[in-house]
Amino acid sequence: MTIKCLNWKESEGLNGTAAFCSVAAYGGKLTTGEAKSCGCTSLKREACMKAMIAGNGFGLVPEVYEEVAVTKNYLVKETAFGVAL
């Protein structure tokens, strides 16, 4: 199954095609604005997950989160280690 997305990657291996989302594979998160700009909707993520499970046996899709309030001159984003400036 071919997914038309900038972040969708497919590579041929000995056991067939391995397909994955490059954002999720490398632990990336998307803001709602970033997801909207690249077409990563909830329906698209569902289709990507189904394609990965069918081909690989498992799948990862990017986490989409809301932007945190702007404080002073920078945007505060939440990370796994706390708040990043």
C-alpha atoms as a PDB file:
ATOM      1  CA  MET A   1       0.000   0.000   0.000  1.00  0.00           C
ATOM      2  CA  THR A   2       1.484   3.329  -1.007  1.00  0.00           C
ATOM      3  CA  ILE A   3       0.807   6.362   1.166  1.00  0.00           C
ATOM      4  CA  LYS A   4       1.264   9.762  -0.455  1.00  0.00           C
ATOM      5  CA  CYS A   5       3.061  11.748   2.249  1.00  0.00           C
ATOM      6  CA  LEU A   6       6.398  13.557   2.553  1.00  0.00           C
ATOM      7  CA  ASN A   7       7.236  11.578   5.705  1.00  0.00           C
ATOM      8  CA  TRP A   8       6.307   8.118   4.343  1.00  0.00           C
ATOM      9  CA  LYS A   9       9.365   5.985   3.562  1.00  0.00           C
ATOM     10  CA  GLU A  10       9.546   2.549   1.970  1.00  0.00           C
ATOM     11  CA  SER A  11      12.618   0.390   1.608  1.00  0.00           C
ATOM     12  CA  GLU A  12      13.094  -3.016   0.036  1.00  0.00           C
ATOM     13  CA  GLY A  13      14.605  -5.731   2.184  1.00  0.00           C
ATOM     14  CA  LEU A  14      15.108  -9.485   2.023  1.00  0.00           C
ATOM     15  CA  ASN A  15      11.707 -10.078   3.618  1.00  0.00           C
ATOM     16  CA  GLY A  16       9.818  -7.575   1.476  1.00  0.00           C
ATOM     17  CA  THR A  17       9.039  -3.911   1.796  1.00  0.00           C
ATOM     18  CA  ALA A  18       9.473  -2.113   5.108  1.00  0.00           C
ATOM     19  CA  ALA A  19       7.304   1.021   5.269  1.00  0.00           C
ATOM     20  CA  PHE A  20       7.332   3.623   8.019  1.00  0.00           C
ATOM     21  CA  CYS A  21       6.630   7.223   8.957  1.00  0.00           C
ATOM     22  CA  SER A  22       9.976   9.001   9.334  1.00  0.00           C
ATOM     23  CA  VAL A  23       8.588  11.472  11.902  1.00  0.00           C
ATOM     24  CA  ALA A  24       7.362   8.740  14.248  1.00  0.00           C
ATOM     25  CA  ALA A  25      10.318   6.418  13.612  1.00  0.00           C
ATOM     26  CA  TYR A  26      12.761   8.988  14.942  1.00  0.00           C
ATOM     27  CA  GLY A  27      10.588   9.986  17.914  1.00  0.00           C
ATOM     28  CA  GLY A  28       9.262  13.221  16.452  1.00  0.00           C
ATOM     29  CA  LYS A  29       6.112  15.013  17.519  1.00  0.00           C
ATOM     30  CA  LEU A  30       4.033  17.413  15.466  1.00  0.00           C
ATOM     31  CA  THR A  31       2.106  20.456  16.567  1.00  0.00           C
ATOM     32  CA  THR A  32      -1.406  20.760  15.208  1.00  0.00           C
ATOM     33  CA  GLY A  33      -0.179  23.396  12.741  1.00  0.00           C
ATOM     34  CA  GLU A  34       2.678  21.212  11.488  1.00  0.00           C
ATOM     35  CA  ALA A  35       0.358  18.225  11.128  1.00  0.00           C
ATOM     36  CA  LYS A  36      -2.184  20.276   9.209  1.00  0.00           C
ATOM     37  CA  SER A  37       0.462  21.717   6.878  1.00  0.00           C
ATOM     38  CA  CYS A  38       1.776  18.280   5.864  1.00  0.00           C
ATOM     39  CA  GLY A  39      -1.687  16.673   5.686  1.00  0.00           C
ATOM     40  CA  CYS A  40      -1.256  14.432   8.737  1.00  0.00           C
ATOM     41  CA  THR A  41      -4.895  14.164   9.805  1.00  0.00           C
ATOM     42  CA  SER A  42      -6.320  11.591  12.195  1.00  0.00           C
ATOM     43  CA  LEU A  43      -7.811   9.664   9.259  1.00  0.00           C
ATOM     44  CA  LYS A  44      -4.468   9.706   7.434  1.00  0.00           C
ATOM     45  CA  ARG A  45      -2.651   8.497  10.575  1.00  0.00           C
ATOM     46  CA  GLU A  46      -5.173   5.663  10.865  1.00  0.00           C
ATOM     47  CA  ALA A  47      -4.546   4.621   7.234  1.00  0.00           C
ATOM     48  CA  CYS A  48      -0.777   4.810   7.781  1.00  0.00           C
ATOM     49  CA  MET A  49      -1.011   2.688  10.919  1.00  0.00           C
ATOM     50  CA  LYS A  50      -3.061   0.040   9.083  1.00  0.00           C
ATOM     51  CA  ALA A  51      -0.532  -0.058   6.229  1.00  0.00           C
ATOM     52  CA  MET A  52       2.407  -0.421   8.622  1.00  0.00           C
ATOM     53  CA  ILE A  53       0.713  -3.166  10.640  1.00  0.00           C
ATOM     54  CA  ALA A  54      -0.183  -5.059   7.477  1.00  0.00           C
ATOM     55  CA  GLY A  55       3.352  -4.852   6.104  1.00  0.00           C
ATOM     56  CA  ASN A  56       5.585  -4.806   9.176  1.00  0.00           C
ATOM     57  CA  GLY A  57       3.468  -6.323  11.927  1.00  0.00           C
ATOM     58  CA  PHE A  58       3.641  -3.100  13.968  1.00  0.00           C
ATOM     59  CA  GLY A  59       3.439   0.624  13.393  1.00  0.00           C
ATOM     60  CA  LEU A  60       4.150   4.053  14.821  1.00  0.00           C
ATOM     61  CA  VAL A  61       2.424   7.300  13.952  1.00  0.00           C
ATOM     62  CA  PRO A  62       3.500  10.746  15.145  1.00  0.00           C
ATOM     63  CA  GLU A  63       2.004  12.243  18.281  1.00  0.00           C
ATOM     64  CA  VAL A  64       0.158  15.476  17.581  1.00  0.00           C
ATOM     65  CA  TYR A  65      -0.014  17.987  20.424  1.00  0.00           C
ATOM     66  CA  GLU A  66      -1.286  21.475  21.045  1.00  0.00           C
ATOM     67  CA  GLU A  67       1.227  24.311  21.226  1.00  0.00           C
ATOM     68  CA  VAL A  68       1.860  25.689  24.684  1.00  0.00           C
ATOM     69  CA  ALA A  69       1.305  29.381  25.379  1.00  0.00           C
ATOM     70  CA  VAL A  70       3.906  31.865  24.169  1.00  0.00           C
ATOM     71  CA  THR A  71       5.849  33.357  27.052  1.00  0.00           C
ATOM     72  CA  LYS A  72       7.948  36.473  26.450  1.00  0.00           C
ATOM     73  CA  ASN A  73       9.875  36.133  23.166  1.00  0.00           C
ATOM     74  CA  TYR A  74       9.982  32.358  22.868  1.00  0.00           C
ATOM     75  CA  LEU A  75       7.625  29.420  22.501  1.00  0.00           C
ATOM     76  CA  VAL A  76       7.639  26.935  25.365  1.00  0.00           C
ATOM     77  CA  LYS A  77       7.313  23.319  24.211  1.00  0.00           C
ATOM     78  CA  GLU A  78       6.922  20.275  26.387  1.00  0.00           C
ATOM     79  CA  THR A  79       9.447  17.465  25.891  1.00  0.00           C
ATOM     80  CA  ALA A  80      10.066  14.096  27.510  1.00  0.00           C
ATOM     81  CA  PHE A  81      12.593  15.736  29.833  1.00  0.00           C
ATOM     82  CA  GLY A  82      10.391  18.638  30.896  1.00  0.00           C
ATOM     83  CA  VAL A  83      10.002  22.046  29.341  1.00  0.00           C
ATOM     84  CA  ALA A  84      12.370  23.118  26.547  1.00  0.00           C
ATOM     85  CA  LEU A  85      12.972  26.769  25.812  1.00  0.00           C
END
